[in-house]
Amino acid sequence: MKIFEQSILKLLIPTFLLTLSLTFYYCSEDTPISQSSTGQLLIKSNPPGAQIHLMGVNTGRTTPYTIGNLEQGTYNGFLYLQYYDTAYFTAKVYNNTTTTVDTILDDGLPFVEFLFDFQLVFGDDSVRFYFTINQDVTMDSIRVVRPINTTGTSVTDKYFYIAELFESRDQNGNLIKYYLPPPGSGSQYYPAIQNRDYNFGMFGHKAYGAKVEFRSYYQVGF
């Protein structure tokens, strides 16, 4: 009888192990893998600091920033940064994925422009020039090539400012006039040579936005 029982146990043990293995296998196959049903949107810009508007809503965030827990789909938005053109974007977001929007912002300020005029004084023997600007700039230098006689002989005057701020308007919104020769240069006027050109070279940078360099040349005659 004991021999019979031992034989039965020898048969049951492999069967039990096989059943246990199959049960574990099928349980593993039926267990779902944990996955997120949302995605992320990483929004960057150059320069950074732009306000992020998504689907018509100001997110209150600035670039660079990652917006998470977004349902899969297409998202529209735009980036706003003062002195730059507004940049619009469209991005597709997928589950378990980070979609990146990387935008280079374009300078929204116009070209730097100077408007020159002059005043003749002392019987039209002397002249003083003045100019206005269409935006704030930081001036590096001004070069004036001017005649000193009617034969065409000229001299060059150079004035250095080392990134001095030249504002375009005063607190009341009025255009500011800047004079040449500049105040404190030793003389308020140049000799006025009729029928000859005065040439001005303006060098500096925009005060805001991309702060790009400008080199502007103007010619004034009378």
N, C-alpha and C. Protein backbone atom coordinates (compact mmCIF):
# COMPACT_ATOMS: atom_id res chain seq x y z
N MET A 1 0.83 -1.21 0.00
CA MET A 1 0.00 0.00 0.00
C MET A 1 0.85 1.25 0.00
N LYS A 2 1.89 1.31 0.78
CA LYS A 2 2.80 2.47 0.83
C LYS A 2 3.48 2.68 -0.51
N ILE A 3 3.83 1.55 -1.17
CA ILE A 3 4.48 1.65 -2.47
C ILE A 3 3.53 2.30 -3.45
N PHE A 4 2.22 1.95 -3.38
CA PHE A 4 1.22 2.53 -4.28
C PHE A 4 1.05 4.02 -4.03
N GLU A 5 0.99 4.43 -2.76
CA GLU A 5 0.85 5.85 -2.42
C GLU A 5 2.04 6.66 -2.91
N GLN A 6 3.24 6.12 -2.75
CA GLN A 6 4.43 6.83 -3.22
C GLN A 6 4.40 7.01 -4.73
N SER A 7 3.87 6.02 -5.44
CA SER A 7 3.80 6.13 -6.90
C SER A 7 2.82 7.21 -7.31
N ILE A 8 1.68 7.26 -6.60
CA ILE A 8 0.68 8.30 -6.89
C ILE A 8 1.27 9.67 -6.67
N LEU A 9 2.02 9.88 -5.57
CA LEU A 9 2.63 11.18 -5.26
C LEU A 9 3.64 11.58 -6.33
N LYS A 10 4.39 10.61 -6.83
CA LYS A 10 5.37 10.91 -7.87
C LYS A 10 4.68 11.41 -9.12
N LEU A 11 3.47 10.92 -9.40
CA LEU A 11 2.73 11.36 -10.57
C LEU A 11 2.09 12.72 -10.36
N LEU A 12 1.62 12.96 -9.13
CA LEU A 12 0.90 14.22 -8.83
C LEU A 12 1.83 15.41 -8.76
N ILE A 13 3.02 15.25 -8.23
CA ILE A 13 3.95 16.40 -8.06
C ILE A 13 4.30 17.05 -9.39
N PRO A 14 4.70 16.33 -10.45
CA PRO A 14 4.96 16.99 -11.74
C PRO A 14 3.73 17.65 -12.31
N THR A 15 2.56 16.97 -12.11
CA THR A 15 1.32 17.57 -12.63
C THR A 15 1.02 18.88 -11.95
N PHE A 16 1.21 18.94 -10.61
CA PHE A 16 0.98 20.17 -9.85
C PHE A 16 1.93 21.28 -10.29
N LEU A 17 3.17 20.95 -10.48
CA LEU A 17 4.16 21.94 -10.91
C LEU A 17 3.82 22.47 -12.29
N LEU A 18 3.36 21.59 -13.20
CA LEU A 18 3.00 22.02 -14.54
C LEU A 18 1.80 22.95 -14.49
N THR A 19 0.82 22.60 -13.66
CA THR A 19 -0.37 23.45 -13.51
C THR A 19 0.00 24.80 -12.96
N LEU A 20 0.87 24.85 -11.97
CA LEU A 20 1.32 26.09 -11.36
C LEU A 20 2.06 26.96 -12.37
N SER A 21 2.90 26.35 -13.19
CA SER A 21 3.64 27.09 -14.19
C SER A 21 2.71 27.68 -15.23
N LEU A 22 1.71 26.89 -15.68
CA LEU A 22 0.77 27.40 -16.66
C LEU A 22 -0.07 28.53 -16.11
N THR A 23 -0.44 28.39 -14.82
CA THR A 23 -1.24 29.44 -14.18
C THR A 23 -0.46 30.73 -14.11
N PHE A 24 0.82 30.64 -13.74
CA PHE A 24 1.67 31.84 -13.66
C PHE A 24 1.86 32.46 -15.03
N TYR A 25 2.01 31.62 -16.06
CA TYR A 25 2.23 32.12 -17.42
C TYR A 25 1.02 32.90 -17.91
N TYR A 26 -0.15 32.32 -17.73
CA TYR A 26 -1.36 32.99 -18.22
C TYR A 26 -1.67 34.24 -17.43
N CYS A 27 -1.36 34.23 -16.14
CA CYS A 27 -1.56 35.46 -15.35
C CYS A 27 -0.65 36.57 -15.85
N SER A 28 0.60 36.23 -16.20
CA SER A 28 1.53 37.24 -16.69
C SER A 28 1.07 37.80 -18.02
N GLU A 29 0.53 36.98 -18.90
CA GLU A 29 0.06 37.46 -20.18
C GLU A 29 -1.15 38.38 -20.06
N ASP A 30 -1.99 38.11 -19.08
CA ASP A 30 -3.22 38.88 -18.93
C ASP A 30 -3.03 40.17 -18.16
N THR A 31 -1.89 40.34 -17.47
CA THR A 31 -1.66 41.54 -16.66
C THR A 31 -1.26 42.69 -17.57
N PRO A 32 -2.00 43.83 -17.62
CA PRO A 32 -1.67 44.94 -18.53
C PRO A 32 -0.42 45.68 -18.09
N ILE A 33 0.35 46.20 -19.10
CA ILE A 33 1.54 47.00 -18.82
C ILE A 33 1.10 48.42 -18.50
N SER A 34 1.62 48.99 -17.44
CA SER A 34 1.23 50.33 -17.01
C SER A 34 1.73 51.37 -18.01
N GLN A 35 0.82 52.10 -18.65
CA GLN A 35 1.16 53.14 -19.60
C GLN A 35 0.34 54.39 -19.32
N SER A 36 0.95 55.54 -19.63
CA SER A 36 0.24 56.82 -19.44
C SER A 36 -0.63 57.10 -20.65
N SER A 37 -1.82 57.63 -20.40
CA SER A 37 -2.74 57.95 -21.49
C SER A 37 -2.63 59.40 -21.91
N THR A 38 -1.55 60.07 -21.48
CA THR A 38 -1.34 61.48 -21.83
C THR A 38 0.08 61.68 -22.34
N GLY A 39 0.32 62.87 -22.93
CA GLY A 39 1.66 63.22 -23.41
C GLY A 39 2.09 64.56 -22.86
N GLN A 40 3.25 65.01 -23.30
CA GLN A 40 3.81 66.27 -22.83
C GLN A 40 4.21 67.14 -24.03
N LEU A 41 4.23 68.46 -23.78
CA LEU A 41 4.63 69.41 -24.81
C LEU A 41 5.70 70.32 -24.23
N LEU A 42 6.92 70.17 -24.74
CA LEU A 42 8.04 71.01 -24.33
C LEU A 42 8.15 72.18 -25.30
N ILE A 43 8.01 73.40 -24.78
CA ILE A 43 8.01 74.58 -25.63
C ILE A 43 9.23 75.43 -25.28
N LYS A 44 10.07 75.69 -26.30
CA LYS A 44 11.28 76.48 -26.12
C LYS A 44 11.31 77.60 -27.15
N SER A 45 12.07 78.65 -26.85
CA SER A 45 12.24 79.73 -27.82
C SER A 45 13.61 80.35 -27.64
N ASN A 46 14.06 80.98 -28.71
CA ASN A 46 15.32 81.72 -28.69
C ASN A 46 15.04 83.13 -29.20
N PRO A 47 15.13 84.16 -28.33
CA PRO A 47 15.50 84.10 -26.91
C PRO A 47 14.38 83.51 -26.06
N PRO A 48 14.72 83.08 -24.83
CA PRO A 48 13.70 82.53 -23.93
C PRO A 48 12.87 83.64 -23.29
N GLY A 49 11.90 83.23 -22.47
CA GLY A 49 11.09 84.18 -21.74
C GLY A 49 9.81 84.59 -22.41
N ALA A 50 9.43 83.92 -23.51
CA ALA A 50 8.21 84.27 -24.23
C ALA A 50 6.99 83.68 -23.51
N GLN A 51 5.91 84.44 -23.46
CA GLN A 51 4.66 83.97 -22.89
C GLN A 51 4.08 82.86 -23.78
N ILE A 52 3.58 81.80 -23.14
CA ILE A 52 3.03 80.66 -23.87
C ILE A 52 1.51 80.72 -23.85
N HIS A 53 0.92 80.80 -25.04
CA HIS A 53 -0.53 80.75 -25.20
C HIS A 53 -0.86 79.44 -25.92
N LEU A 54 -1.75 78.65 -25.31
CA LEU A 54 -2.09 77.35 -25.88
C LEU A 54 -3.60 77.22 -25.99
N MET A 55 -4.08 76.91 -27.19
CA MET A 55 -5.50 76.73 -27.46
C MET A 55 -6.31 77.94 -27.00
N GLY A 56 -5.75 79.15 -27.26
CA GLY A 56 -6.45 80.37 -26.94
C GLY A 56 -6.37 80.81 -25.49
N VAL A 57 -5.57 80.13 -24.69
CA VAL A 57 -5.47 80.44 -23.26
C VAL A 57 -4.04 80.80 -22.91
N ASN A 58 -3.87 81.89 -22.16
CA ASN A 58 -2.54 82.25 -21.65
C ASN A 58 -2.22 81.30 -20.50
N THR A 59 -1.20 80.47 -20.67
CA THR A 59 -0.87 79.47 -19.65
C THR A 59 -0.24 80.09 -18.41
N GLY A 60 0.21 81.35 -18.52
CA GLY A 60 0.90 81.96 -17.40
C GLY A 60 2.34 81.50 -17.27
N ARG A 61 2.80 80.73 -18.23
CA ARG A 61 4.17 80.21 -18.22
C ARG A 61 4.98 80.86 -19.34
N THR A 62 6.29 80.84 -19.18
CA THR A 62 7.18 81.36 -20.20
C THR A 62 8.19 80.29 -20.62
N THR A 63 8.69 80.45 -21.82
CA THR A 63 9.65 79.48 -22.35
C THR A 63 10.98 79.56 -21.63
N PRO A 64 11.66 78.42 -21.47
CA PRO A 64 11.23 77.06 -21.82
C PRO A 64 10.35 76.47 -20.71
N TYR A 65 9.36 75.67 -21.13
CA TYR A 65 8.46 75.07 -20.14
C TYR A 65 7.84 73.82 -20.75
N THR A 66 7.61 72.80 -19.89
CA THR A 66 6.98 71.56 -20.31
C THR A 66 5.56 71.50 -19.75
N ILE A 67 4.59 71.38 -20.64
CA ILE A 67 3.19 71.24 -20.25
C ILE A 67 2.84 69.76 -20.29
N GLY A 68 2.43 69.19 -19.16
CA GLY A 68 2.16 67.77 -19.06
C GLY A 68 0.68 67.44 -19.02
N ASN A 69 0.39 66.14 -18.97
CA ASN A 69 -0.99 65.62 -18.86
C ASN A 69 -1.89 66.11 -20.00
N LEU A 70 -1.35 66.14 -21.21
CA LEU A 70 -2.14 66.54 -22.37
C LEU A 70 -2.68 65.31 -23.08
N GLU A 71 -3.94 65.32 -23.40
CA GLU A 71 -4.53 64.23 -24.15
C GLU A 71 -3.96 64.22 -25.57
N GLN A 72 -3.90 63.04 -26.13
CA GLN A 72 -3.37 62.91 -27.48
C GLN A 72 -4.21 63.74 -28.45
N GLY A 73 -3.52 64.51 -29.32
CA GLY A 73 -4.22 65.35 -30.28
C GLY A 73 -3.35 66.46 -30.81
N THR A 74 -3.96 67.38 -31.55
CA THR A 74 -3.26 68.50 -32.16
C THR A 74 -3.53 69.77 -31.36
N TYR A 75 -2.46 70.52 -31.07
CA TYR A 75 -2.56 71.72 -30.25
C TYR A 75 -2.01 72.91 -31.04
N ASN A 76 -2.74 74.02 -30.97
CA ASN A 76 -2.31 75.27 -31.59
C ASN A 76 -1.99 76.28 -30.51
N GLY A 77 -1.04 77.17 -30.81
CA GLY A 77 -0.70 78.19 -29.83
C GLY A 77 0.21 79.24 -30.43
N PHE A 78 0.63 80.16 -29.59
CA PHE A 78 1.58 81.17 -30.05
C PHE A 78 2.43 81.63 -28.88
N LEU A 79 3.57 82.23 -29.22
CA LEU A 79 4.51 82.76 -28.24
C LEU A 79 4.60 84.27 -28.40
N TYR A 80 4.57 84.97 -27.27
CA TYR A 80 4.64 86.43 -27.32
C TYR A 80 5.79 86.92 -26.44
N LEU A 81 6.63 87.74 -27.02
CA LEU A 81 7.71 88.40 -26.29
C LEU A 81 7.84 89.82 -26.82
N GLN A 82 7.83 90.78 -25.90
CA GLN A 82 7.86 92.19 -26.31
C GLN A 82 9.06 92.48 -27.23
N TYR A 83 8.81 93.26 -28.26
CA TYR A 83 9.78 93.68 -29.28
C TYR A 83 10.08 92.59 -30.30
N TYR A 84 9.38 91.44 -30.22
CA TYR A 84 9.57 90.37 -31.20
C TYR A 84 8.24 90.06 -31.89
N ASP A 85 8.33 89.53 -33.11
CA ASP A 85 7.13 89.10 -33.81
C ASP A 85 6.50 87.92 -33.09
N THR A 86 5.17 87.90 -33.01
CA THR A 86 4.46 86.78 -32.41
C THR A 86 4.69 85.53 -33.27
N ALA A 87 5.05 84.43 -32.62
CA ALA A 87 5.35 83.18 -33.32
C ALA A 87 4.23 82.17 -33.07
N TYR A 88 3.59 81.71 -34.14
CA TYR A 88 2.50 80.73 -34.04
C TYR A 88 3.05 79.33 -34.28
N PHE A 89 2.42 78.34 -33.63
CA PHE A 89 2.87 76.96 -33.80
C PHE A 89 1.69 76.00 -33.74
N THR A 90 1.88 74.83 -34.35
CA THR A 90 0.96 73.71 -34.27
C THR A 90 1.78 72.48 -33.92
N ALA A 91 1.32 71.72 -32.93
CA ALA A 91 2.08 70.55 -32.49
C ALA A 91 1.14 69.38 -32.24
N LYS A 92 1.60 68.17 -32.59
CA LYS A 92 0.84 66.95 -32.33
C LYS A 92 1.41 66.26 -31.09
N VAL A 93 0.54 65.96 -30.15
CA VAL A 93 0.93 65.31 -28.91
C VAL A 93 0.47 63.85 -28.94
N TYR A 94 1.36 62.94 -28.53
CA TYR A 94 1.06 61.51 -28.48
C TYR A 94 1.22 61.01 -27.05
N ASN A 95 0.53 59.93 -26.74
CA ASN A 95 0.62 59.33 -25.41
C ASN A 95 2.05 58.84 -25.16
N ASN A 96 2.50 59.01 -23.92
CA ASN A 96 3.82 58.54 -23.50
C ASN A 96 4.96 59.17 -24.29
N THR A 97 4.72 60.36 -24.82
CA THR A 97 5.72 61.01 -25.67
C THR A 97 5.81 62.49 -25.31
N THR A 98 7.03 63.03 -25.39
CA THR A 98 7.23 64.48 -25.23
C THR A 98 7.48 65.08 -26.60
N THR A 99 6.57 65.95 -27.03
CA THR A 99 6.71 66.67 -28.29
C THR A 99 7.38 68.01 -28.02
N THR A 100 8.37 68.37 -28.84
CA THR A 100 9.13 69.61 -28.62
C THR A 100 8.81 70.64 -29.69
N VAL A 101 8.53 71.85 -29.24
CA VAL A 101 8.40 73.01 -30.13
C VAL A 101 9.56 73.94 -29.82
N ASP A 102 10.42 74.17 -30.79
CA ASP A 102 11.61 75.01 -30.59
C ASP A 102 11.60 76.11 -31.65
N THR A 103 11.40 77.35 -31.21
CA THR A 103 11.15 78.45 -32.14
C THR A 103 12.20 79.55 -31.99
N ILE A 104 12.66 80.07 -33.11
CA ILE A 104 13.52 81.25 -33.12
C ILE A 104 12.63 82.46 -33.36
N LEU A 105 12.61 83.38 -32.41
CA LEU A 105 11.77 84.57 -32.52
C LEU A 105 12.45 85.63 -33.38
N ASP A 106 11.68 86.24 -34.25
CA ASP A 106 12.20 87.28 -35.14
C ASP A 106 12.05 88.65 -34.51
N ASP A 107 13.07 89.48 -34.69
CA ASP A 107 13.03 90.85 -34.17
C ASP A 107 11.83 91.59 -34.76
N GLY A 108 11.00 92.16 -33.90
CA GLY A 108 9.81 92.84 -34.35
C GLY A 108 9.97 94.33 -34.56
N LEU A 109 11.14 94.86 -34.24
CA LEU A 109 11.38 96.29 -34.40
C LEU A 109 11.82 96.61 -35.83
N PRO A 110 11.45 97.78 -36.34
CA PRO A 110 11.84 98.14 -37.71
C PRO A 110 13.32 98.50 -37.79
N PHE A 111 13.80 98.76 -38.99
CA PHE A 111 15.16 99.25 -39.17
C PHE A 111 15.31 100.60 -38.47
N VAL A 112 16.49 100.86 -37.99
CA VAL A 112 16.76 102.15 -37.36
C VAL A 112 16.85 103.22 -38.43
N GLU A 113 16.09 104.29 -38.25
CA GLU A 113 16.10 105.38 -39.22
C GLU A 113 16.29 106.71 -38.50
N PHE A 114 17.13 107.54 -39.10
CA PHE A 114 17.38 108.89 -38.60
C PHE A 114 16.81 109.90 -39.60
N LEU A 115 16.18 110.92 -39.09
CA LEU A 115 15.66 111.99 -39.93
C LEU A 115 16.44 113.26 -39.64
N PHE A 116 17.17 113.77 -40.66
CA PHE A 116 18.04 114.93 -40.48
C PHE A 116 17.38 116.21 -40.98
N ASP A 117 17.73 117.29 -40.31
CA ASP A 117 17.36 118.63 -40.76
C ASP A 117 18.45 119.58 -40.28
N PHE A 118 18.36 120.88 -40.63
CA PHE A 118 19.42 121.81 -40.24
C PHE A 118 18.85 123.20 -40.01
N GLN A 119 19.65 124.03 -39.35
CA GLN A 119 19.32 125.43 -39.11
C GLN A 119 20.50 126.30 -39.56
N LEU A 120 20.23 127.25 -40.41
CA LEU A 120 21.25 128.22 -40.82
C LEU A 120 21.10 129.47 -39.96
N VAL A 121 22.24 129.97 -39.45
CA VAL A 121 22.23 131.15 -38.58
C VAL A 121 23.37 132.09 -38.99
N PHE A 122 23.38 133.24 -38.36
CA PHE A 122 24.44 134.23 -38.59
C PHE A 122 24.57 134.55 -40.07
N GLY A 123 23.45 134.94 -40.67
CA GLY A 123 23.48 135.30 -42.09
C GLY A 123 23.79 134.14 -42.99
N ASP A 124 23.38 132.96 -42.57
CA ASP A 124 23.61 131.72 -43.33
C ASP A 124 25.08 131.34 -43.42
N ASP A 125 25.89 131.88 -42.52
CA ASP A 125 27.31 131.54 -42.51
C ASP A 125 27.61 130.31 -41.65
N SER A 126 26.69 129.97 -40.78
CA SER A 126 26.90 128.83 -39.88
C SER A 126 25.67 127.90 -39.94
N VAL A 127 25.91 126.64 -39.65
CA VAL A 127 24.84 125.66 -39.73
C VAL A 127 24.91 124.71 -38.53
N ARG A 128 23.74 124.35 -38.06
CA ARG A 128 23.65 123.33 -37.00
C ARG A 128 22.66 122.27 -37.48
N PHE A 129 23.07 121.03 -37.41
CA PHE A 129 22.21 119.92 -37.84
C PHE A 129 21.53 119.31 -36.61
N TYR A 130 20.39 118.73 -36.84
CA TYR A 130 19.73 117.95 -35.79
C TYR A 130 19.01 116.76 -36.41
N PHE A 131 18.80 115.75 -35.59
CA PHE A 131 18.15 114.54 -36.10
C PHE A 131 17.21 113.97 -35.05
N THR A 132 16.23 113.20 -35.51
CA THR A 132 15.35 112.41 -34.65
C THR A 132 15.48 110.95 -35.06
N ILE A 133 15.00 110.05 -34.18
CA ILE A 133 15.16 108.61 -34.42
C ILE A 133 13.79 107.94 -34.31
N ASN A 134 13.60 106.87 -35.05
CA ASN A 134 12.31 106.18 -35.01
C ASN A 134 12.19 105.18 -33.87
N GLN A 135 13.25 105.01 -33.06
CA GLN A 135 13.21 104.11 -31.91
C GLN A 135 14.42 104.39 -31.03
N ASP A 136 14.39 103.87 -29.80
CA ASP A 136 15.53 104.04 -28.89
C ASP A 136 16.73 103.24 -29.40
N VAL A 137 17.91 103.83 -29.28
CA VAL A 137 19.13 103.15 -29.69
C VAL A 137 20.22 103.40 -28.65
N THR A 138 21.23 102.55 -28.69
CA THR A 138 22.45 102.83 -27.93
C THR A 138 23.51 103.21 -28.96
N MET A 139 23.98 104.43 -28.84
CA MET A 139 24.90 104.97 -29.85
C MET A 139 26.34 104.67 -29.46
N ASP A 140 27.10 104.21 -30.44
CA ASP A 140 28.53 103.99 -30.23
C ASP A 140 29.35 105.18 -30.72
N SER A 141 29.03 105.67 -31.91
CA SER A 141 29.77 106.81 -32.44
C SER A 141 29.01 107.46 -33.59
N ILE A 142 29.37 108.70 -33.87
CA ILE A 142 28.86 109.44 -35.03
C ILE A 142 30.05 110.03 -35.76
N ARG A 143 30.05 109.88 -37.07
CA ARG A 143 31.13 110.45 -37.89
C ARG A 143 30.52 111.47 -38.84
N VAL A 144 31.13 112.66 -38.84
CA VAL A 144 30.66 113.73 -39.72
C VAL A 144 31.79 114.10 -40.68
N VAL A 145 31.55 113.93 -41.97
CA VAL A 145 32.49 114.37 -43.00
C VAL A 145 31.89 115.63 -43.61
N ARG A 146 32.56 116.77 -43.40
CA ARG A 146 31.96 118.05 -43.80
C ARG A 146 32.97 118.90 -44.57
N PRO A 147 32.46 119.73 -45.48
CA PRO A 147 33.36 120.61 -46.25
C PRO A 147 33.81 121.80 -45.39
N ILE A 148 34.98 122.30 -45.72
CA ILE A 148 35.46 123.50 -45.01
C ILE A 148 35.68 124.66 -45.98
N ASN A 149 35.54 124.40 -47.28
CA ASN A 149 35.61 125.48 -48.27
C ASN A 149 34.87 125.05 -49.52
N THR A 150 34.77 125.95 -50.47
CA THR A 150 34.01 125.67 -51.68
C THR A 150 34.77 124.85 -52.71
N THR A 151 36.04 124.58 -52.44
CA THR A 151 36.85 123.81 -53.39
C THR A 151 36.68 122.30 -53.20
N GLY A 152 35.99 121.90 -52.14
CA GLY A 152 35.77 120.47 -51.92
C GLY A 152 36.62 119.89 -50.81
N THR A 153 37.47 120.67 -50.18
CA THR A 153 38.27 120.18 -49.06
C THR A 153 37.33 119.87 -47.89
N SER A 154 37.56 118.73 -47.23
CA SER A 154 36.69 118.33 -46.13
C SER A 154 37.49 117.84 -44.94
N VAL A 155 36.85 117.81 -43.79
CA VAL A 155 37.44 117.27 -42.57
C VAL A 155 36.45 116.26 -41.99
N THR A 156 36.95 115.42 -41.10
CA THR A 156 36.11 114.41 -40.45
C THR A 156 36.10 114.64 -38.95
N ASP A 157 34.91 114.78 -38.40
CA ASP A 157 34.73 114.89 -36.95
C ASP A 157 34.14 113.57 -36.44
N LYS A 158 34.71 113.06 -35.34
CA LYS A 158 34.21 111.81 -34.76
C LYS A 158 33.78 112.07 -33.31
N TYR A 159 32.60 111.57 -32.98
CA TYR A 159 32.06 111.72 -31.64
C TYR A 159 31.77 110.31 -31.09
N PHE A 160 32.29 110.03 -29.91
CA PHE A 160 32.18 108.69 -29.32
C PHE A 160 31.25 108.73 -28.11
N TYR A 161 30.37 107.71 -28.03
CA TYR A 161 29.36 107.68 -26.97
C TYR A 161 29.40 106.41 -26.12
N ILE A 162 30.01 105.35 -26.62
CA ILE A 162 30.19 104.10 -25.87
C ILE A 162 28.86 103.59 -25.33
N ALA A 163 27.97 103.23 -26.25
CA ALA A 163 26.67 102.61 -25.93
C ALA A 163 25.77 103.51 -25.09
N GLU A 164 25.85 104.80 -25.33
CA GLU A 164 24.96 105.73 -24.61
C GLU A 164 23.55 105.62 -25.18
N LEU A 165 22.55 105.64 -24.29
CA LEU A 165 21.16 105.52 -24.72
C LEU A 165 20.66 106.82 -25.33
N PHE A 166 20.19 106.73 -26.55
CA PHE A 166 19.53 107.84 -27.23
C PHE A 166 18.04 107.48 -27.33
N GLU A 167 17.23 108.12 -26.55
CA GLU A 167 15.80 107.84 -26.58
C GLU A 167 15.14 108.58 -27.74
N SER A 168 14.15 107.94 -28.34
CA SER A 168 13.49 108.56 -29.48
C SER A 168 12.46 109.60 -29.06
N ARG A 169 11.83 109.41 -27.90
CA ARG A 169 10.77 110.32 -27.45
C ARG A 169 10.92 110.65 -25.97
N ASP A 170 10.38 111.82 -25.61
CA ASP A 170 10.40 112.21 -24.21
C ASP A 170 9.19 111.61 -23.48
N GLN A 171 9.00 111.96 -22.21
CA GLN A 171 7.93 111.39 -21.41
C GLN A 171 6.54 111.77 -21.93
N ASN A 172 6.46 112.83 -22.68
CA ASN A 172 5.18 113.27 -23.25
C ASN A 172 4.92 112.69 -24.63
N GLY A 173 5.84 111.86 -25.12
CA GLY A 173 5.67 111.24 -26.42
C GLY A 173 6.16 112.06 -27.58
N ASN A 174 6.86 113.16 -27.30
CA ASN A 174 7.37 114.01 -28.37
C ASN A 174 8.74 113.54 -28.83
N LEU A 175 9.00 113.63 -30.13
CA LEU A 175 10.30 113.26 -30.66
C LEU A 175 11.38 114.16 -30.08
N ILE A 176 12.50 113.54 -29.71
CA ILE A 176 13.63 114.28 -29.14
C ILE A 176 14.59 114.66 -30.26
N LYS A 177 15.05 115.91 -30.25
CA LYS A 177 16.03 116.37 -31.23
C LYS A 177 17.44 116.24 -30.65
N TYR A 178 18.34 115.69 -31.45
CA TYR A 178 19.75 115.60 -31.09
C TYR A 178 20.53 116.45 -32.08
N TYR A 179 21.50 117.22 -31.55
CA TYR A 179 22.17 118.23 -32.38
C TYR A 179 23.60 117.83 -32.71
N LEU A 180 24.02 118.28 -33.89
CA LEU A 180 25.41 118.16 -34.34
C LEU A 180 25.87 119.53 -34.84
N PRO A 181 26.96 120.06 -34.31
CA PRO A 181 27.83 119.47 -33.30
C PRO A 181 27.07 119.22 -31.99
N PRO A 182 27.43 118.16 -31.28
CA PRO A 182 26.74 117.85 -30.03
C PRO A 182 27.10 118.85 -28.94
N PRO A 183 26.21 119.08 -27.99
CA PRO A 183 26.52 119.97 -26.87
C PRO A 183 27.78 119.51 -26.14
N GLY A 184 28.60 120.46 -25.76
CA GLY A 184 29.82 120.14 -25.05
C GLY A 184 30.99 119.78 -25.93
N SER A 185 30.82 119.85 -27.26
CA SER A 185 31.91 119.49 -28.17
C SER A 185 32.84 120.67 -28.46
N GLY A 186 32.49 121.86 -27.94
CA GLY A 186 33.35 123.02 -28.14
C GLY A 186 32.79 124.05 -29.08
N SER A 187 31.85 123.65 -29.93
CA SER A 187 31.24 124.59 -30.86
C SER A 187 29.81 124.17 -31.12
N GLN A 188 28.91 125.13 -31.29
CA GLN A 188 27.52 124.81 -31.55
C GLN A 188 27.19 124.75 -33.03
N TYR A 189 28.13 125.19 -33.89
CA TYR A 189 27.83 125.28 -35.31
C TYR A 189 29.05 124.85 -36.14
N TYR A 190 28.75 124.45 -37.37
CA TYR A 190 29.78 124.23 -38.38
C TYR A 190 29.74 125.41 -39.34
N PRO A 191 30.86 125.69 -40.01
CA PRO A 191 30.81 126.67 -41.10
C PRO A 191 29.87 126.17 -42.20
N ALA A 192 29.01 127.02 -42.68
CA ALA A 192 28.04 126.62 -43.71
C ALA A 192 28.65 126.84 -45.09
N ILE A 193 28.89 125.76 -45.80
CA ILE A 193 29.46 125.83 -47.15
C ILE A 193 28.33 125.48 -48.14
N GLN A 194 27.92 126.46 -48.90
CA GLN A 194 26.81 126.27 -49.81
C GLN A 194 27.19 125.31 -50.95
N ASN A 195 26.17 124.58 -51.40
CA ASN A 195 26.30 123.66 -52.54
C ASN A 195 27.31 122.53 -52.30
N ARG A 196 27.50 122.20 -51.04
CA ARG A 196 28.37 121.07 -50.69
C ARG A 196 27.61 120.13 -49.76
N ASP A 197 27.96 118.85 -49.83
CA ASP A 197 27.26 117.85 -49.02
C ASP A 197 27.95 117.62 -47.69
N TYR A 198 27.14 117.39 -46.67
CA TYR A 198 27.61 116.98 -45.35
C TYR A 198 27.18 115.51 -45.18
N ASN A 199 28.14 114.67 -44.81
CA ASN A 199 27.88 113.23 -44.71
C ASN A 199 27.96 112.77 -43.25
N PHE A 200 26.97 111.95 -42.87
CA PHE A 200 26.87 111.50 -41.49
C PHE A 200 26.86 109.97 -41.45
N GLY A 201 27.70 109.43 -40.60
CA GLY A 201 27.72 107.99 -40.34
C GLY A 201 27.29 107.73 -38.91
N MET A 202 26.24 106.92 -38.74
CA MET A 202 25.67 106.66 -37.41
C MET A 202 25.91 105.18 -37.08
N PHE A 203 26.51 104.92 -35.92
CA PHE A 203 26.90 103.55 -35.57
C PHE A 203 26.42 103.22 -34.16
N GLY A 204 25.76 102.08 -34.02
CA GLY A 204 25.28 101.67 -32.70
C GLY A 204 24.44 100.41 -32.79
N HIS A 205 23.53 100.26 -31.82
CA HIS A 205 22.67 99.07 -31.74
C HIS A 205 21.26 99.50 -31.36
N LYS A 206 20.30 98.68 -31.74
CA LYS A 206 18.96 98.87 -31.23
C LYS A 206 18.98 98.70 -29.71
N ALA A 207 18.19 99.49 -29.02
CA ALA A 207 18.19 99.41 -27.55
C ALA A 207 17.42 98.20 -27.04
N TYR A 208 16.47 97.69 -27.83
CA TYR A 208 15.60 96.61 -27.38
C TYR A 208 15.50 95.53 -28.45
N GLY A 209 14.68 94.52 -28.14
CA GLY A 209 14.54 93.41 -29.09
C GLY A 209 15.84 92.66 -29.24
N ALA A 210 16.21 92.38 -30.48
CA ALA A 210 17.43 91.62 -30.74
C ALA A 210 18.69 92.46 -30.55
N LYS A 211 18.52 93.77 -30.37
CA LYS A 211 19.65 94.69 -30.16
C LYS A 211 20.68 94.58 -31.28
N VAL A 212 20.17 94.48 -32.50
CA VAL A 212 21.06 94.30 -33.64
C VAL A 212 21.84 95.58 -33.93
N GLU A 213 22.98 95.41 -34.54
CA GLU A 213 23.85 96.53 -34.88
C GLU A 213 23.30 97.28 -36.10
N PHE A 214 23.50 98.58 -36.11
CA PHE A 214 23.18 99.35 -37.30
C PHE A 214 24.37 100.21 -37.70
N ARG A 215 24.48 100.43 -39.00
CA ARG A 215 25.46 101.35 -39.60
C ARG A 215 24.71 102.14 -40.65
N SER A 216 24.35 103.35 -40.32
CA SER A 216 23.50 104.16 -41.20
C SER A 216 24.28 105.36 -41.73
N TYR A 217 24.05 105.67 -43.03
CA TYR A 217 24.77 106.78 -43.67
C TYR A 217 23.76 107.73 -44.31
N TYR A 218 24.01 109.02 -44.10
CA TYR A 218 23.11 110.03 -44.61
C TYR A 218 23.92 111.18 -45.24
N GLN A 219 23.30 111.82 -46.20
CA GLN A 219 23.92 112.93 -46.88
C GLN A 219 22.95 114.12 -46.91
N VAL A 220 23.43 115.28 -46.47
CA VAL A 220 22.57 116.45 -46.41
C VAL A 220 23.31 117.59 -47.12
N GLY A 221 22.61 118.24 -48.00
CA GLY A 221 23.17 119.41 -48.69
C GLY A 221 22.20 120.56 -48.66
N PHE A 222 22.70 121.77 -48.90
CA PHE A 222 21.81 122.95 -48.90
C PHE A 222 22.40 124.04 -49.80
